[in-house]
């Protein structure tokens, strides 16, 4: 199984790296760019499946892969079949309760 994690700064948090990239893009001929947000993307290959896997993955996303004070994460699980084709995927943003 493969898990995909996207970590982004919360909307209310300033993103100085994104602002720098936005300014550079405008300077390099893209005045249409309004804003840029910089985040992290991770793919995690996992052997096997068990009933509490998603719970443990969410815990790792919260405690290790993101900073819950300033970042949100999305976790997508994809079961892969033959030739790496995706059969099933789940995508869910953290709820307010999970953010606590």
Protein backbone atom coordinates (compact mmCIF):
# COMPACT_ATOMS: atom_id res chain seq x y z
CA UNK A 1 0.00 0.00 0.00
CA UNK A 2 1.09 3.56 -0.59
CA UNK A 3 0.13 6.54 1.56
CA UNK A 4 0.42 10.07 0.23
CA UNK A 5 0.74 12.99 2.64
CA UNK A 6 0.41 16.68 1.75
CA UNK A 7 1.40 19.19 4.42
CA UNK A 8 0.57 22.87 3.88
CA UNK A 9 0.75 25.98 6.05
CA UNK A 10 -2.60 26.91 7.58
CA UNK A 11 -4.42 29.66 5.70
CA UNK A 12 -3.92 32.14 8.57
CA UNK A 13 -0.14 31.53 8.72
CA UNK A 14 2.24 33.71 6.72
CA UNK A 15 4.33 31.84 4.14
CA UNK A 16 7.55 33.83 3.56
CA UNK A 17 8.98 31.18 1.21
CA UNK A 18 5.80 31.26 -0.86
CA UNK A 19 5.91 35.09 -0.93
CA UNK A 20 9.53 35.02 -2.14
CA UNK A 21 8.64 32.56 -4.94
CA UNK A 22 5.62 34.69 -5.88
CA UNK A 23 7.77 37.82 -6.11
CA UNK A 24 10.37 35.98 -8.22
CA UNK A 25 7.69 34.67 -10.58
CA UNK A 26 6.33 38.18 -11.08
CA UNK A 27 9.85 39.50 -11.66
CA UNK A 28 10.47 36.77 -14.25
CA UNK A 29 7.48 37.69 -16.38
CA UNK A 30 4.43 36.22 -14.64
CA UNK A 31 2.58 39.29 -13.27
CA UNK A 32 -0.65 37.25 -13.19
CA UNK A 33 0.54 35.20 -10.19
CA UNK A 34 -1.42 36.34 -7.12
CA UNK A 35 0.01 34.06 -4.44
CA UNK A 36 2.09 30.96 -3.84
CA UNK A 37 1.94 28.57 -0.87
CA UNK A 38 4.84 26.18 -0.32
CA UNK A 39 4.20 22.80 1.30
CA UNK A 40 5.57 19.27 1.54
CA UNK A 41 4.55 16.11 -0.32
CA UNK A 42 5.50 12.62 0.89
CA UNK A 43 4.83 9.14 -0.48
CA UNK A 44 5.13 6.31 2.04
CA UNK A 45 5.27 2.66 0.91
CA UNK A 46 3.82 0.30 3.53
CA UNK A 47 3.99 -3.49 3.72
CA UNK A 48 0.70 -5.15 4.59
CA UNK A 49 -2.54 -3.77 5.96
CA UNK A 50 -4.20 -4.00 9.33
CA UNK A 51 -7.21 -2.44 10.99
CA UNK A 52 -5.45 0.36 12.88
CA UNK A 53 -3.09 1.42 10.07
CA UNK A 54 -4.96 4.62 9.19
CA UNK A 55 -5.13 5.64 12.84
CA UNK A 56 -1.38 5.15 13.26
CA UNK A 57 -0.64 6.98 10.00
CA UNK A 58 -2.76 9.95 11.11
CA UNK A 59 -0.88 9.98 14.41
CA UNK A 60 2.44 10.10 12.57
CA UNK A 61 1.17 12.88 10.31
CA UNK A 62 0.11 14.88 13.35
CA UNK A 63 3.15 14.18 15.57
CA UNK A 64 6.05 13.82 13.12
CA UNK A 65 5.32 14.97 9.58
CA UNK A 66 3.50 18.22 10.36
CA UNK A 67 3.45 20.95 12.97
CA UNK A 68 -0.23 21.09 14.01
CA UNK A 69 0.14 24.65 15.30
CA UNK A 70 0.94 26.10 11.87
CA UNK A 71 0.26 23.31 9.34
CA UNK A 72 -2.59 21.15 8.09
CA UNK A 73 -2.17 17.78 6.42
CA UNK A 74 -4.09 15.58 4.03
CA UNK A 75 -3.61 11.82 4.05
CA UNK A 76 -4.50 9.74 1.00
CA UNK A 77 -4.25 5.97 1.10
CA UNK A 78 -4.07 4.07 -2.17
CA UNK A 79 -4.23 0.29 -2.44
CA UNK A 80 -2.30 -0.66 -5.55
CA UNK A 81 -3.00 -3.66 -7.71
CA UNK A 82 -1.17 -5.04 -10.72
CA UNK A 83 1.14 -2.68 -12.59
CA UNK A 84 0.77 -0.04 -9.86
CA UNK A 85 -2.77 0.97 -10.80
CA UNK A 86 -4.79 2.62 -8.07
CA UNK A 87 -7.85 0.63 -7.07
CA UNK A 88 -9.05 2.53 -4.05
CA UNK A 89 -8.08 5.83 -2.54
CA UNK A 90 -9.31 7.82 0.41
CA UNK A 91 -8.66 11.52 0.83
CA UNK A 92 -9.76 13.41 3.88
CA UNK A 93 -8.69 16.64 5.52
CA UNK A 94 -8.22 16.72 9.25
CA UNK A 95 -11.28 17.71 11.18
CA UNK A 96 -11.19 20.41 13.85
CA UNK A 97 -11.33 17.68 16.51
CA UNK A 98 -8.28 15.93 15.04
CA UNK A 99 -6.39 19.23 15.04
CA UNK A 100 -6.60 19.49 18.84
